[in-house]
Amino acid sequence: MTTTVRLPLRVEQALTTYCVEAKRTKSEVIVELLEQRLMGTDTERTPYELAQEAGFIGCVSGKNAGKAASKSKSGGIKERVAAAIRKKHGR
């Protein structure tokens, strides 16, 4: 079904910007928003999507990029976790 809606310029610009950034069509976004609003469809973002948007996923590139950054005077994260486990369990 085709429906025509007149959008204020600021809303149309925001929609266009969002669609370009999200690589989605205007129709997809509008249908999703209407479903959420009218039918109570819960399309909340997953924790993975939230972490990706926040820049936590895919923020380090390269094979060994994280190794040098995670090392400190007291050792890397793995070493510190292993030491804490050994300390706790007496090994």
C-alpha atoms as a PDB file:
ATOM      1  CA  MET A   1       0.000   0.000   0.000  1.00  0.00           C
ATOM      2  CA  THR A   2       1.285   3.445  -0.856  1.00  0.00           C
ATOM      3  CA  THR A   3       0.824   6.350   1.526  1.00  0.00           C
ATOM      4  CA  THR A   4       2.041   9.890   1.060  1.00  0.00           C
ATOM      5  CA  VAL A   5       3.158  11.910   4.063  1.00  0.00           C
ATOM      6  CA  ARG A   6       4.246  15.545   4.098  1.00  0.00           C
ATOM      7  CA  LEU A   7       7.256  15.918   6.398  1.00  0.00           C
ATOM      8  CA  PRO A   8       8.613  19.161   7.810  1.00  0.00           C
ATOM      9  CA  LEU A   9      11.970  20.030   6.211  1.00  0.00           C
ATOM     10  CA  ARG A  10      13.953  19.407   9.427  1.00  0.00           C
ATOM     11  CA  VAL A  11      12.409  15.923   9.815  1.00  0.00           C
ATOM     12  CA  GLU A  12      13.067  15.053   6.187  1.00  0.00           C
ATOM     13  CA  GLN A  13      16.696  16.180   6.474  1.00  0.00           C
ATOM     14  CA  ALA A  14      17.182  14.184   9.683  1.00  0.00           C
ATOM     15  CA  LEU A  15      15.611  11.114   8.055  1.00  0.00           C
ATOM     16  CA  THR A  16      17.811  11.450   4.974  1.00  0.00           C
ATOM     17  CA  THR A  17      20.944  11.838   7.087  1.00  0.00           C
ATOM     18  CA  TYR A  18      20.035   8.819   9.214  1.00  0.00           C
ATOM     19  CA  CYS A  19      19.296   6.670   6.166  1.00  0.00           C
ATOM     20  CA  VAL A  20      22.645   7.503   4.569  1.00  0.00           C
ATOM     21  CA  GLU A  21      24.554   6.750   7.780  1.00  0.00           C
ATOM     22  CA  ALA A  22      22.615   3.570   8.538  1.00  0.00           C
ATOM     23  CA  LYS A  23      22.578   2.465   4.865  1.00  0.00           C
ATOM     24  CA  ARG A  24      18.824   1.897   4.982  1.00  0.00           C
ATOM     25  CA  THR A  25      15.964   3.135   2.859  1.00  0.00           C
ATOM     26  CA  LYS A  26      13.493   5.731   4.066  1.00  0.00           C
ATOM     27  CA  SER A  27      10.701   3.175   3.680  1.00  0.00           C
ATOM     28  CA  GLU A  28      12.462   0.662   5.940  1.00  0.00           C
ATOM     29  CA  VAL A  29      12.990   3.239   8.665  1.00  0.00           C
ATOM     30  CA  ILE A  30       9.458   4.647   8.489  1.00  0.00           C
ATOM     31  CA  VAL A  31       7.842   1.189   8.520  1.00  0.00           C
ATOM     32  CA  GLU A  32       9.985   0.132  11.494  1.00  0.00           C
ATOM     33  CA  LEU A  33       9.108   3.266  13.455  1.00  0.00           C
ATOM     34  CA  LEU A  34       5.392   2.915  12.703  1.00  0.00           C
ATOM     35  CA  GLU A  35       5.449  -0.736  13.772  1.00  0.00           C
ATOM     36  CA  GLN A  36       7.144   0.213  17.031  1.00  0.00           C
ATOM     37  CA  ARG A  37       4.672   2.994  17.698  1.00  0.00           C
ATOM     38  CA  LEU A  38       1.425   1.378  16.583  1.00  0.00           C
ATOM     39  CA  MET A  39       1.909  -2.325  17.174  1.00  0.00           C
ATOM     40  CA  GLY A  40       4.227  -2.329  20.136  1.00  0.00           C
ATOM     41  CA  THR A  41       6.860  -4.245  18.179  1.00  0.00           C
ATOM     42  CA  ASP A  42       9.987  -4.301  20.283  1.00  0.00           C
ATOM     43  CA  THR A  43      12.938  -3.738  17.999  1.00  0.00           C
ATOM     44  CA  GLU A  44      15.416  -2.601  20.616  1.00  0.00           C
ATOM     45  CA  ARG A  45      19.018  -2.768  19.625  1.00  0.00           C
ATOM     46  CA  THR A  46      20.984  -5.745  20.852  1.00  0.00           C
ATOM     47  CA  PRO A  47      23.935  -5.294  23.211  1.00  0.00           C
ATOM     48  CA  TYR A  48      26.206  -6.076  20.249  1.00  0.00           C
ATOM     49  CA  GLU A  49      24.656  -3.270  18.183  1.00  0.00           C
ATOM     50  CA  LEU A  50      24.971  -0.813  21.081  1.00  0.00           C
ATOM     51  CA  ALA A  51      28.629  -1.724  21.615  1.00  0.00           C
ATOM     52  CA  GLN A  52      29.297  -1.394  17.899  1.00  0.00           C
ATOM     53  CA  GLU A  53      27.672   2.043  17.770  1.00  0.00           C
ATOM     54  CA  ALA A  54      29.683   3.131  20.812  1.00  0.00           C
ATOM     55  CA  GLY A  55      32.882   2.150  19.024  1.00  0.00           C
ATOM     56  CA  PHE A  56      33.866  -0.753  21.260  1.00  0.00           C
ATOM     57  CA  ILE A  57      33.651  -3.303  18.468  1.00  0.00           C
ATOM     58  CA  GLY A  58      36.026  -2.902  15.580  1.00  0.00           C
ATOM     59  CA  CYS A  59      37.929  -0.096  17.260  1.00  0.00           C
ATOM     60  CA  VAL A  60      41.318  -1.850  17.110  1.00  0.00           C
ATOM     61  CA  SER A  61      42.725  -2.938  13.803  1.00  0.00           C
ATOM     62  CA  GLY A  62      45.619  -5.192  13.031  1.00  0.00           C
ATOM     63  CA  LYS A  63      46.613  -8.628  14.241  1.00  0.00           C
ATOM     64  CA  ASN A  64      48.586  -7.646  17.354  1.00  0.00           C
ATOM     65  CA  ALA A  65      47.344  -4.092  17.897  1.00  0.00           C
ATOM     66  CA  GLY A  66      45.844  -4.795  21.315  1.00  0.00           C
ATOM     67  CA  LYS A  67      48.831  -6.669  22.759  1.00  0.00           C
ATOM     68  CA  ALA A  68      51.173  -3.695  23.069  1.00  0.00           C
ATOM     69  CA  ALA A  69      48.439  -1.456  24.445  1.00  0.00           C
ATOM     70  CA  SER A  70      47.300  -3.974  27.071  1.00  0.00           C
ATOM     71  CA  LYS A  71      50.767  -4.497  28.533  1.00  0.00           C
ATOM     72  CA  SER A  72      51.686  -2.388  31.522  1.00  0.00           C
ATOM     73  CA  LYS A  73      54.332  -2.521  34.276  1.00  0.00           C
ATOM     74  CA  SER A  74      52.373  -5.179  36.141  1.00  0.00           C
ATOM     75  CA  GLY A  75      51.746  -7.310  33.027  1.00  0.00           C
ATOM     76  CA  GLY A  76      48.941  -7.689  30.562  1.00  0.00           C
ATOM     77  CA  ILE A  77      45.324  -8.322  31.374  1.00  0.00           C
ATOM     78  CA  LYS A  78      45.638 -12.088  30.890  1.00  0.00           C
ATOM     79  CA  GLU A  79      48.568 -12.259  33.271  1.00  0.00           C
ATOM     80  CA  ARG A  80      46.759 -10.198  35.903  1.00  0.00           C
ATOM     81  CA  VAL A  81      43.622 -12.350  35.666  1.00  0.00           C
ATOM     82  CA  ALA A  82      45.669 -15.554  35.916  1.00  0.00           C
ATOM     83  CA  ALA A  83      47.536 -14.168  38.947  1.00  0.00           C
ATOM     84  CA  ALA A  84      44.246 -13.223  40.647  1.00  0.00           C
ATOM     85  CA  ILE A  85      42.844 -16.719  40.059  1.00  0.00           C
ATOM     86  CA  ARG A  86      46.019 -18.348  41.391  1.00  0.00           C
ATOM     87  CA  LYS A  87      45.905 -16.111  44.449  1.00  0.00           C
ATOM     88  CA  LYS A  88      42.257 -16.862  45.120  1.00  0.00           C
ATOM     89  CA  HIS A  89      42.553 -20.647  44.686  1.00  0.00           C
ATOM     90  CA  GLY A  90      46.023 -21.052  46.168  1.00  0.00           C
ATOM     91  CA  ARG A  91      47.719 -22.462  43.057  1.00  0.00           C
END
